[in-house]
């Protein structure tokens, strides 16, 4: 468990430094020990997308369909947008659900051009750092390392979501990851404490 928490903290640091200053969202997916840690941060300009309606997210990783989510456990409430242009896969792997998550929900569903953002999200606002930890390695989960970009909008409203798989993170990125994992660890300790107090 300590290894997973350390991985989440490291990934949170990666996400914060990787996000550009303009409206854009970046997800970094790294192998950390025997896990895959996905950390996302940034913002979205939703002007170039079509609002589909409210929905319920599903935290998962499914490379064959270009599906990756970070943050929020269970079926979090999200707002669904359509109209991304980009890859329809980033590997051959099937569906995997995370072992640990923290932060607001963001989900990319590349094969059907969908982006899920936290319910009530205001276009252009910082989303916050989100993390999901999956079991396995790139090879065991059928993930192909590389950089994948989905785009939408035009002119001042052009925006993107970038998925960086693998690579060596910059030092500033590690700092953000550590902060994110610290938050995830704190949330887990709180939940464990609450469960113990209910049992008494």
Protein backbone atom coordinates (compact mmCIF):
# COMPACT_ATOMS: atom_id res chain seq x y z
CA UNK A 1 0.00 0.00 0.00
CA UNK A 2 2.87 2.39 0.80
CA UNK A 3 4.30 1.76 -2.67
CA UNK A 4 0.99 2.65 -4.32
CA UNK A 5 0.67 5.83 -2.25
CA UNK A 6 4.23 6.85 -3.11
CA UNK A 7 3.44 6.25 -6.79
CA UNK A 8 0.33 8.41 -6.62
CA UNK A 9 2.25 11.24 -4.97
CA UNK A 10 4.93 11.11 -7.62
CA UNK A 11 2.36 11.14 -10.42
CA UNK A 12 0.51 14.13 -9.03
CA UNK A 13 3.71 16.12 -9.24
CA UNK A 14 4.18 15.11 -12.86
CA UNK A 15 0.79 16.37 -13.89
CA UNK A 16 1.12 19.83 -12.47
CA UNK A 17 4.29 20.72 -14.27
CA UNK A 18 3.27 19.14 -17.52
CA UNK A 19 0.19 21.30 -18.04
CA UNK A 20 0.77 24.34 -20.24
CA UNK A 21 -0.22 27.83 -19.08
CA UNK A 22 -3.08 28.13 -21.61
CA UNK A 23 -6.27 26.11 -21.42
CA UNK A 24 -5.22 22.48 -21.89
CA UNK A 25 -5.33 19.26 -19.93
CA UNK A 26 -2.48 16.76 -19.62
CA UNK A 27 -2.59 13.17 -18.36
CA UNK A 28 0.71 11.44 -17.60
CA UNK A 29 0.62 7.64 -17.41
CA UNK A 30 3.73 6.05 -15.84
CA UNK A 31 4.86 2.64 -14.66
CA UNK A 32 5.58 2.82 -10.93
CA UNK A 33 6.63 -0.50 -9.46
CA UNK A 34 3.91 -3.00 -10.35
CA UNK A 35 1.32 -0.31 -11.06
CA UNK A 36 0.35 2.20 -13.71
CA UNK A 37 -0.23 5.67 -12.30
CA UNK A 38 -2.30 8.16 -14.32
CA UNK A 39 -2.22 11.78 -13.15
CA UNK A 40 -4.09 14.62 -14.83
CA UNK A 41 -4.16 18.38 -14.37
CA UNK A 42 -5.05 21.50 -16.32
CA UNK A 43 -8.23 23.08 -17.64
CA UNK A 44 -10.66 22.84 -20.55
CA UNK A 45 -12.12 25.39 -22.95
CA UNK A 46 -15.38 23.60 -23.77
CA UNK A 47 -16.50 26.12 -26.42
CA UNK A 48 -15.65 23.84 -29.36
CA UNK A 49 -17.44 20.79 -27.92
CA UNK A 50 -21.13 19.84 -27.91
CA UNK A 51 -22.78 19.37 -24.51
CA UNK A 52 -24.52 15.99 -24.47
CA UNK A 53 -25.91 16.14 -20.92
CA UNK A 54 -25.24 14.91 -17.41
CA UNK A 55 -23.93 11.40 -16.93
CA UNK A 56 -22.14 9.06 -14.56
CA UNK A 57 -18.44 8.43 -15.07
CA UNK A 58 -16.76 5.04 -14.86
CA UNK A 59 -13.14 5.07 -13.68
CA UNK A 60 -11.25 2.82 -16.09
CA UNK A 61 -8.39 2.25 -18.50
CA UNK A 62 -9.14 0.65 -21.88
CA UNK A 63 -6.31 1.30 -24.39
CA UNK A 64 -8.00 -0.46 -27.34
CA UNK A 65 -10.80 2.14 -27.26
CA UNK A 66 -8.67 5.13 -26.13
CA UNK A 67 -10.42 5.27 -22.74
CA UNK A 68 -8.67 6.66 -19.68
CA UNK A 69 -10.05 8.31 -16.58
CA UNK A 70 -8.48 10.01 -13.60
CA UNK A 71 -10.07 10.87 -10.26
CA UNK A 72 -13.33 10.08 -8.45
CA UNK A 73 -14.38 6.60 -7.45
CA UNK A 74 -17.53 4.66 -8.29
CA UNK A 75 -19.81 6.36 -10.81
CA UNK A 76 -19.16 10.07 -10.21
CA UNK A 77 -21.55 12.68 -11.62
CA UNK A 78 -20.08 14.23 -14.76
CA UNK A 79 -21.05 16.49 -17.63
CA UNK A 80 -20.60 14.79 -21.01
CA UNK A 81 -19.24 16.62 -24.06
CA UNK A 82 -18.70 15.32 -27.60
CA UNK A 83 -16.51 16.40 -30.52
CA UNK A 84 -12.87 15.52 -29.81
CA UNK A 85 -10.59 14.76 -32.76
CA UNK A 86 -7.76 12.32 -32.12
CA UNK A 87 -6.63 8.71 -31.79
CA UNK A 88 -9.18 5.96 -31.27
CA UNK A 89 -6.73 3.74 -29.36
CA UNK A 90 -3.40 3.87 -27.52
CA UNK A 91 -2.79 0.13 -27.36
CA UNK A 92 -4.54 -3.23 -27.56
CA UNK A 93 -5.52 -3.73 -23.91
CA UNK A 94 -8.98 -4.34 -22.51
CA UNK A 95 -10.84 -2.75 -19.61
CA UNK A 96 -9.18 -2.30 -16.20
CA UNK A 97 -10.63 -0.51 -13.18
CA UNK A 98 -8.37 1.47 -10.82
CA UNK A 99 -7.20 0.29 -7.41
CA UNK A 100 -7.02 3.82 -6.03
CA UNK A 101 -8.31 7.22 -7.18
CA UNK A 102 -8.24 10.82 -5.97
CA UNK A 103 -9.34 14.21 -7.26
CA UNK A 104 -12.13 15.38 -9.57
CA UNK A 105 -13.34 13.03 -12.34
CA UNK A 106 -12.06 13.48 -15.91
CA UNK A 107 -12.58 10.80 -18.55
CA UNK A 108 -11.51 10.60 -22.18
CA UNK A 109 -13.40 8.18 -24.43
CA UNK A 110 -11.47 8.59 -27.68
CA UNK A 111 -13.27 5.98 -29.79
CA UNK A 112 -16.54 7.92 -29.62
CA UNK A 113 -15.04 11.44 -29.21
CA UNK A 114 -16.34 12.00 -25.66
CA UNK A 115 -14.92 14.02 -22.78
CA UNK A 116 -16.41 13.77 -19.27
CA UNK A 117 -15.69 16.63 -16.87
CA UNK A 118 -16.84 17.21 -13.26
CA UNK A 119 -20.56 18.07 -13.01
CA UNK A 120 -21.00 21.86 -13.18
CA UNK A 121 -17.45 22.52 -14.40
CA UNK A 122 -16.96 26.10 -15.66
CA UNK A 123 -15.08 26.32 -18.96
CA UNK A 124 -11.53 27.62 -18.47
CA UNK A 125 -11.29 26.93 -14.72
CA UNK A 126 -8.49 24.78 -13.31
CA UNK A 127 -9.81 21.27 -12.75
CA UNK A 128 -7.33 20.32 -10.03
CA UNK A 129 -5.02 17.33 -9.88
CA UNK A 130 -6.61 13.88 -10.32
CA UNK A 131 -5.00 10.45 -10.04
CA UNK A 132 -5.89 6.84 -10.81
CA UNK A 133 -3.70 3.83 -9.99
CA UNK A 134 -4.12 0.67 -12.07
CA UNK A 135 -2.55 -2.77 -11.54
CA UNK A 136 0.09 -4.05 -13.94
CA UNK A 137 2.56 -2.70 -16.47
CA UNK A 138 2.32 -1.21 -19.96
CA UNK A 139 2.92 -4.68 -21.41
CA UNK A 140 0.38 -6.51 -19.20
CA UNK A 141 -2.31 -3.87 -19.80
CA UNK A 142 -1.65 -3.56 -23.56
CA UNK A 143 -0.61 0.11 -23.38
CA UNK A 144 1.62 1.55 -26.14
CA UNK A 145 4.01 4.26 -24.86
CA UNK A 146 3.99 7.58 -26.72
CA UNK A 147 2.23 10.93 -26.83
CA UNK A 148 -1.42 11.08 -27.91
CA UNK A 149 -3.33 14.31 -28.50
CA UNK A 150 -7.07 15.02 -28.87
CA UNK A 151 -8.09 18.48 -30.11
CA UNK A 152 -11.23 20.57 -30.52
CA UNK A 153 -12.28 24.18 -31.09
CA UNK A 154 -10.77 26.90 -33.29
CA UNK A 155 -8.89 30.17 -32.89
CA UNK A 156 -8.91 31.49 -29.33
CA UNK A 157 -11.07 28.53 -28.30
CA UNK A 158 -8.76 25.80 -29.67
CA UNK A 159 -7.94 23.33 -26.91
CA UNK A 160 -6.51 19.87 -26.35
CA UNK A 161 -6.08 16.91 -24.06
CA UNK A 162 -2.64 15.27 -24.18
CA UNK A 163 -1.88 11.78 -22.92
CA UNK A 164 1.83 11.15 -22.27
CA UNK A 165 2.58 7.47 -21.75
CA UNK A 166 6.03 6.60 -20.40
CA UNK A 167 9.03 8.90 -20.54
CA UNK A 168 11.01 10.48 -17.75
CA UNK A 169 9.23 13.17 -15.75
CA UNK A 170 10.79 16.54 -14.98
CA UNK A 171 11.71 17.35 -11.35
CA UNK A 172 8.84 19.84 -10.99
CA UNK A 173 6.42 17.13 -12.12
CA UNK A 174 7.62 14.84 -9.35
CA UNK A 175 6.79 17.53 -6.80
CA UNK A 176 3.19 17.74 -8.01
CA UNK A 177 2.85 13.97 -7.98
CA UNK A 178 4.02 13.85 -4.38
CA UNK A 179 1.38 16.40 -3.39
CA UNK A 180 -1.34 14.42 -5.16
CA UNK A 181 -0.35 11.14 -3.58
CA UNK A 182 -0.19 12.79 -0.18
CA UNK A 183 -3.80 13.87 -0.66
CA UNK A 184 -4.79 10.36 -1.75
CA UNK A 185 -3.07 8.84 1.27
CA UNK A 186 -4.77 11.29 3.59
CA UNK A 187 -8.16 10.43 2.08
CA UNK A 188 -7.50 6.71 2.50
CA UNK A 189 -6.47 7.16 6.15
CA UNK A 190 -9.61 9.22 6.81
CA UNK A 191 -11.81 6.57 5.18
CA UNK A 192 -10.13 3.78 7.17
CA UNK A 193 -10.58 5.78 10.41
CA UNK A 194 -14.26 6.38 9.59
CA UNK A 195 -14.80 2.66 8.92
CA UNK A 196 -13.21 1.75 12.27
CA UNK A 197 -15.33 4.27 14.14
CA UNK A 198 -18.53 2.89 12.54
CA UNK A 199 -17.56 -0.65 13.55
CA UNK A 200 -17.30 0.35 17.21
